[in-house]
């Protein structure tokens, strides 16, 4: 259990759970805020062969661990396993279905849909943080960690996509199985990305999401493919990160009064990501030259 030392409620809960001795709970304290720091602290403390991750607003269904273990046991090249998170909101359960899950599509569109996946288990390009597990040797052998460059004071958006994609690029398979299920009750976020109501996001949150998405894409693609993906994001956009086309659609078709501010926030995040990426490449080149 990763928690802050000053988190009195969690500390009290841990004391009660330890007294019941139902599970061998291990407490890992962190001083740095944010989901990325907490996840990395948890990874560093793991002693088993598989690390299973879910959100604090999600609850695994029966046989969750058994099904995860079966996938890892079936093939030694499986580095990550994910499944469906059944989203419960406003008294209803999202029960739609989508066959396409966890894929990077040309020219650079990320298809999630992990909460709507159906069908047989299959390989995917990335997993969702509410329901993902990894072979410890896959992340320790390559020293893969959740990306500390990602912006946000609470849940750094796209940290799961970045991590899973890094595992796949290291040569491991990622498997998505809709039968590996959790129930997900999306909670309000108490940071700049406070999603008490769908669509009620600050400009800082949109800037951060755009920054993170652009960093992930720069890591995912190389050369011409990277340039095409970045041009597509600028021209069309993705999700909250409006491009020129989606800006026009939002203003003309949907009459959104805040569309221009959303677009500016997204472009600001993209510009900062470009600058930071260039500076990192320069530092790496200088280090190689000095070495």
Protein backbone atom coordinates (compact mmCIF):
# COMPACT_ATOMS: atom_id res chain seq x y z
CA UNK A 1 0.00 0.00 0.00
CA UNK A 2 1.57 3.27 -1.18
CA UNK A 3 0.58 6.31 0.82
CA UNK A 4 1.79 9.64 2.11
CA UNK A 5 3.04 9.77 5.67
CA UNK A 6 0.66 12.66 6.33
CA UNK A 7 -2.37 10.72 5.08
CA UNK A 8 -3.93 9.99 8.46
CA UNK A 9 -7.06 8.30 7.09
CA UNK A 10 -5.06 5.76 5.10
CA UNK A 11 -2.70 5.17 8.01
CA UNK A 12 -5.67 4.45 10.28
CA UNK A 13 -7.20 2.08 7.72
CA UNK A 14 -3.89 0.24 7.36
CA UNK A 15 -3.66 -0.26 11.11
CA UNK A 16 -7.12 -1.86 11.14
CA UNK A 17 -6.41 -4.10 8.14
CA UNK A 18 -3.08 -5.26 9.56
CA UNK A 19 -4.79 -6.23 12.80
CA UNK A 20 -7.18 -8.44 10.83
CA UNK A 21 -4.20 -10.14 9.14
CA UNK A 22 -6.22 -11.12 6.08
CA UNK A 23 -3.48 -10.01 3.69
CA UNK A 24 0.26 -9.43 4.18
CA UNK A 25 0.03 -5.66 3.73
CA UNK A 26 3.27 -3.76 3.17
CA UNK A 27 3.24 0.01 3.59
CA UNK A 28 5.37 2.16 1.28
CA UNK A 29 5.46 5.86 2.15
CA UNK A 30 6.09 8.56 -0.45
CA UNK A 31 6.69 12.27 -0.01
CA UNK A 32 6.28 13.29 -3.65
CA UNK A 33 2.73 13.80 -4.87
CA UNK A 34 1.16 12.37 -8.00
CA UNK A 35 0.18 8.99 -9.38
CA UNK A 36 3.45 8.45 -11.25
CA UNK A 37 5.54 8.74 -8.08
CA UNK A 38 3.19 6.38 -6.22
CA UNK A 39 3.23 3.78 -8.99
CA UNK A 40 7.02 3.85 -9.24
CA UNK A 41 7.34 3.45 -5.48
CA UNK A 42 5.04 0.44 -5.68
CA UNK A 43 7.06 -1.09 -8.51
CA UNK A 44 10.28 -0.69 -6.53
CA UNK A 45 8.71 -2.55 -3.59
CA UNK A 46 7.30 -5.49 -5.57
CA UNK A 47 8.81 -8.88 -4.71
CA UNK A 48 6.71 -11.26 -6.82
CA UNK A 49 6.81 -12.28 -10.48
CA UNK A 50 3.69 -10.35 -11.51
CA UNK A 51 2.46 -6.91 -10.46
CA UNK A 52 -1.30 -6.34 -10.82
CA UNK A 53 -2.50 -2.73 -10.95
CA UNK A 54 -5.95 -1.23 -10.62
CA UNK A 55 -7.35 2.17 -9.61
CA UNK A 56 -8.47 3.24 -6.16
CA UNK A 57 -12.00 3.62 -7.58
CA UNK A 58 -12.08 0.14 -9.12
CA UNK A 59 -12.80 -3.33 -7.71
CA UNK A 60 -11.59 -6.57 -9.35
CA UNK A 61 -14.19 -9.23 -10.07
CA UNK A 62 -13.79 -12.88 -8.97
CA UNK A 63 -11.13 -14.86 -10.86
CA UNK A 64 -9.33 -11.62 -11.83
CA UNK A 65 -5.95 -12.79 -10.56
CA UNK A 66 -6.39 -16.36 -11.81
CA UNK A 67 -7.10 -15.17 -15.35
CA UNK A 68 -4.17 -12.77 -15.28
CA UNK A 69 -1.84 -15.51 -14.08
CA UNK A 70 -3.09 -17.89 -16.77
CA UNK A 71 -2.13 -15.48 -19.55
CA UNK A 72 1.38 -14.98 -18.20
CA UNK A 73 1.81 -18.73 -17.73
CA UNK A 74 0.63 -19.47 -21.28
CA UNK A 75 3.44 -17.62 -23.06
CA UNK A 76 6.82 -16.39 -21.79
CA UNK A 77 6.81 -13.40 -24.16
CA UNK A 78 3.67 -11.86 -22.61
CA UNK A 79 4.87 -8.79 -20.73
CA UNK A 80 1.52 -7.21 -19.88
CA UNK A 81 -2.12 -8.24 -19.46
CA UNK A 82 -5.15 -5.96 -19.36
CA UNK A 83 -8.90 -6.34 -19.38
CA UNK A 84 -12.25 -4.63 -19.36
CA UNK A 85 -13.18 -2.07 -16.73
CA UNK A 86 -16.95 -1.95 -16.41
CA UNK A 87 -17.69 1.76 -15.89
CA UNK A 88 -20.53 2.65 -13.52
CA UNK A 89 -21.68 6.27 -13.72
CA UNK A 90 -24.83 8.14 -12.75
CA UNK A 91 -26.57 4.95 -11.67
CA UNK A 92 -25.95 3.14 -14.96
CA UNK A 93 -23.36 0.76 -16.39
CA UNK A 94 -21.75 1.44 -19.75
CA UNK A 95 -22.46 -1.79 -21.60
CA UNK A 96 -21.71 -0.85 -25.21
CA UNK A 97 -19.21 -2.96 -27.14
CA UNK A 98 -16.21 -2.13 -29.32
CA UNK A 99 -14.02 -4.68 -31.10
CA UNK A 100 -11.07 -2.29 -31.55
CA UNK A 101 -9.18 -1.80 -28.27
CA UNK A 102 -5.80 -0.39 -27.27
CA UNK A 103 -4.47 0.40 -30.73
CA UNK A 104 -2.34 3.06 -32.37
CA UNK A 105 -4.02 3.81 -35.70
CA UNK A 106 -2.47 5.62 -38.64
CA UNK A 107 -1.69 8.49 -38.76
CA UNK A 108 -1.32 8.69 -34.97
CA UNK A 109 -4.69 8.16 -33.34
CA UNK A 110 -4.86 6.30 -30.03
CA UNK A 111 -7.90 4.01 -29.76
CA UNK A 112 -8.66 3.17 -26.13
CA UNK A 113 -12.05 1.48 -25.60
CA UNK A 114 -10.66 -0.78 -22.87
CA UNK A 115 -13.94 -0.23 -20.98
CA UNK A 116 -15.96 -1.46 -23.97
CA UNK A 117 -13.90 -4.37 -25.29
CA UNK A 118 -15.55 -7.63 -26.32
CA UNK A 119 -14.45 -10.86 -27.95
CA UNK A 120 -11.45 -13.12 -27.48
CA UNK A 121 -8.12 -12.24 -25.90
CA UNK A 122 -5.77 -10.51 -28.35
CA UNK A 123 -2.57 -8.53 -28.61
CA UNK A 124 -2.84 -4.74 -28.24
CA UNK A 125 -0.52 -1.73 -28.35
CA UNK A 126 -1.25 -0.32 -24.89
CA UNK A 127 -3.25 -1.01 -21.71
CA UNK A 128 -5.39 1.04 -19.32
CA UNK A 129 -4.29 1.84 -15.78
CA UNK A 130 -7.54 0.76 -14.15
CA UNK A 131 -6.87 -2.84 -15.17
CA UNK A 132 -3.33 -3.80 -16.14
CA UNK A 133 -0.70 -6.25 -14.94
CA UNK A 134 2.95 -6.77 -15.86
CA UNK A 135 5.62 -9.40 -15.69
CA UNK A 136 8.13 -7.95 -13.22
CA UNK A 137 11.10 -9.18 -15.25
CA UNK A 138 9.78 -7.19 -18.23
CA UNK A 139 9.95 -3.87 -16.41
CA UNK A 140 12.95 -4.48 -14.18
CA UNK A 141 15.16 -5.98 -16.87
CA UNK A 142 14.76 -2.88 -19.04
CA UNK A 143 14.40 -0.49 -16.08
CA UNK A 144 10.99 0.64 -17.35
CA UNK A 145 9.23 3.03 -15.01
CA UNK A 146 6.25 5.36 -15.18
CA UNK A 147 7.41 8.49 -16.97
CA UNK A 148 8.33 11.28 -14.55
CA UNK A 149 8.32 13.81 -17.41
CA UNK A 150 4.53 13.67 -17.60
CA UNK A 151 2.74 16.73 -16.28
CA UNK A 152 -0.03 16.97 -13.69
CA UNK A 153 -0.13 17.21 -9.92
CA UNK A 154 -2.50 14.28 -9.36
CA UNK A 155 -3.25 11.62 -11.94
CA UNK A 156 -0.80 12.39 -14.75
CA UNK A 157 -2.96 11.69 -17.81
CA UNK A 158 -1.65 9.04 -20.24
CA UNK A 159 0.89 7.59 -17.79
CA UNK A 160 -0.60 4.13 -18.41
CA UNK A 161 -0.37 4.50 -22.19
CA UNK A 162 3.25 5.64 -21.96
CA UNK A 163 4.24 2.77 -19.65
CA UNK A 164 2.50 0.02 -21.61
CA UNK A 165 3.87 1.30 -24.91
CA UNK A 166 7.40 1.29 -23.46
CA UNK A 167 6.97 -2.36 -22.41
CA UNK A 168 5.81 -3.30 -25.91
CA UNK A 169 8.66 -1.40 -27.58
CA UNK A 170 11.06 -3.37 -25.37
CA UNK A 171 9.92 -6.51 -27.21
CA UNK A 172 7.13 -7.85 -24.97
CA UNK A 173 3.56 -8.70 -25.98
CA UNK A 174 0.60 -6.94 -24.41
CA UNK A 175 -2.60 -9.00 -24.17
CA UNK A 176 -6.12 -7.62 -23.68
CA UNK A 177 -8.76 -10.07 -22.46
CA UNK A 178 -12.31 -8.75 -21.81
CA UNK A 179 -12.78 -11.63 -19.32
CA UNK A 180 -10.16 -10.04 -17.03
CA UNK A 181 -12.69 -7.71 -15.42
CA UNK A 182 -12.92 -4.96 -12.83
CA UNK A 183 -15.82 -2.71 -11.84
CA UNK A 184 -14.86 0.94 -12.23
CA UNK A 185 -16.59 3.79 -10.38
CA UNK A 186 -14.88 6.96 -11.73
CA UNK A 187 -14.26 9.29 -8.81
CA UNK A 188 -13.81 13.05 -8.77
CA UNK A 189 -10.21 14.16 -9.14
CA UNK A 190 -8.95 16.73 -6.67
CA UNK A 191 -6.31 18.36 -8.86
CA UNK A 192 -6.34 20.68 -11.89
CA UNK A 193 -8.01 17.80 -13.79
CA UNK A 194 -11.03 17.79 -11.45
CA UNK A 195 -13.63 15.82 -13.39
CA UNK A 196 -16.61 16.25 -11.11
CA UNK A 197 -18.66 16.65 -14.29
CA UNK A 198 -17.74 15.34 -17.72
CA UNK A 199 -16.27 18.18 -19.77
CA UNK A 200 -15.60 20.45 -16.76
CA UNK A 201 -11.83 20.60 -17.13
CA UNK A 202 -9.47 23.50 -16.60
CA UNK A 203 -7.20 24.90 -19.30
CA UNK A 204 -4.21 23.70 -17.29
CA UNK A 205 -5.58 20.14 -17.39
CA UNK A 206 -6.00 20.30 -21.17
CA UNK A 207 -2.51 21.76 -21.58
CA UNK A 208 -1.09 18.94 -19.45
CA UNK A 209 -2.96 16.26 -21.40
CA UNK A 210 -1.73 17.70 -24.69
CA UNK A 211 1.84 17.86 -23.38
CA UNK A 212 1.70 14.24 -22.22
CA UNK A 213 0.12 12.97 -25.43
CA UNK A 214 2.74 14.69 -27.58
CA UNK A 215 5.55 13.20 -25.48
CA UNK A 216 4.04 9.72 -25.80
CA UNK A 217 3.72 10.08 -29.58
CA UNK A 218 7.29 11.36 -29.91
CA UNK A 219 8.46 8.25 -28.05
CA UNK A 220 6.18 5.91 -30.00
CA UNK A 221 7.15 6.95 -33.52
CA UNK A 222 10.36 7.76 -35.38
CA UNK A 223 11.29 9.77 -38.46
CA UNK A 224 8.57 10.37 -41.05
CA UNK A 225 5.94 8.49 -39.02
CA UNK A 226 6.52 10.83 -36.09
CA UNK A 227 6.16 13.92 -38.28
CA UNK A 228 2.96 12.58 -39.83
CA UNK A 229 1.46 11.81 -36.41
CA UNK A 230 2.31 15.26 -35.07
CA UNK A 231 0.92 16.95 -38.19
CA UNK A 232 -2.31 14.97 -37.77
CA UNK A 233 -2.61 16.12 -34.15
CA UNK A 234 -2.15 19.73 -35.27
CA UNK A 235 -4.60 19.48 -38.16
CA UNK A 236 -7.31 17.27 -36.63
CA UNK A 237 -6.59 16.71 -32.94
CA UNK A 238 -7.42 13.94 -30.51
CA UNK A 239 -9.90 14.00 -27.63
CA UNK A 240 -9.54 17.16 -25.55
CA UNK A 241 -6.51 18.19 -27.65
CA UNK A 242 -8.27 20.11 -30.40
CA UNK A 243 -6.66 20.51 -33.82
CA UNK A 244 -7.72 22.95 -36.52
CA UNK A 245 -10.51 20.71 -37.87
CA UNK A 246 -12.00 19.85 -34.49
CA UNK A 247 -11.75 23.51 -33.46
CA UNK A 248 -13.82 24.51 -36.49
CA UNK A 249 -16.33 21.74 -35.80
CA UNK A 250 -16.66 22.74 -32.14
CA UNK A 251 -17.22 26.41 -32.96
CA UNK A 252 -19.39 26.14 -36.07
CA UNK A 253 -21.36 22.92 -35.55
CA UNK A 254 -21.57 22.63 -31.77
CA UNK A 255 -21.38 26.38 -30.99
CA UNK A 256 -18.94 25.83 -28.13
CA UNK A 257 -18.02 29.15 -26.58
CA UNK A 258 -14.85 27.79 -24.98
CA UNK A 259 -13.49 25.94 -28.02
CA UNK A 260 -10.84 28.56 -28.82
CA UNK A 261 -9.52 28.49 -25.25
CA UNK A 262 -9.39 24.69 -25.38
CA UNK A 263 -7.46 24.82 -28.65
CA UNK A 264 -5.00 27.37 -27.26
CA UNK A 265 -4.40 25.21 -24.18
CA UNK A 266 -3.78 22.16 -26.37
CA UNK A 267 -1.38 24.04 -28.65
CA UNK A 268 0.47 25.43 -25.63
CA UNK A 269 1.01 21.91 -24.28
CA UNK A 270 2.22 20.75 -27.69
CA UNK A 271 4.71 23.62 -27.96
CA UNK A 272 6.15 22.98 -24.50
CA UNK A 273 6.46 19.25 -25.25
CA UNK A 274 8.32 20.02 -28.48
CA UNK A 275 10.73 22.31 -26.65
CA UNK A 276 11.36 19.83 -23.82
CA UNK A 277 11.86 16.96 -26.25
CA UNK A 278 14.41 18.96 -28.25
CA UNK A 279 16.29 19.92 -25.10
CA UNK A 280 16.41 16.30 -23.97
CA UNK A 281 17.80 15.20 -27.34
CA UNK A 282 20.43 17.93 -27.13
CA UNK A 283 21.47 16.84 -23.63
CA UNK A 284 21.67 13.21 -24.74
CA UNK A 285 23.78 14.16 -27.75
CA UNK A 286 26.10 16.25 -25.59
CA UNK A 287 26.44 13.35 -23.15
CA UNK A 288 27.34 10.93 -25.94
CA UNK A 289 29.86 13.40 -27.37
CA UNK A 290 31.44 13.96 -23.96
CA UNK A 291 31.62 10.21 -23.38
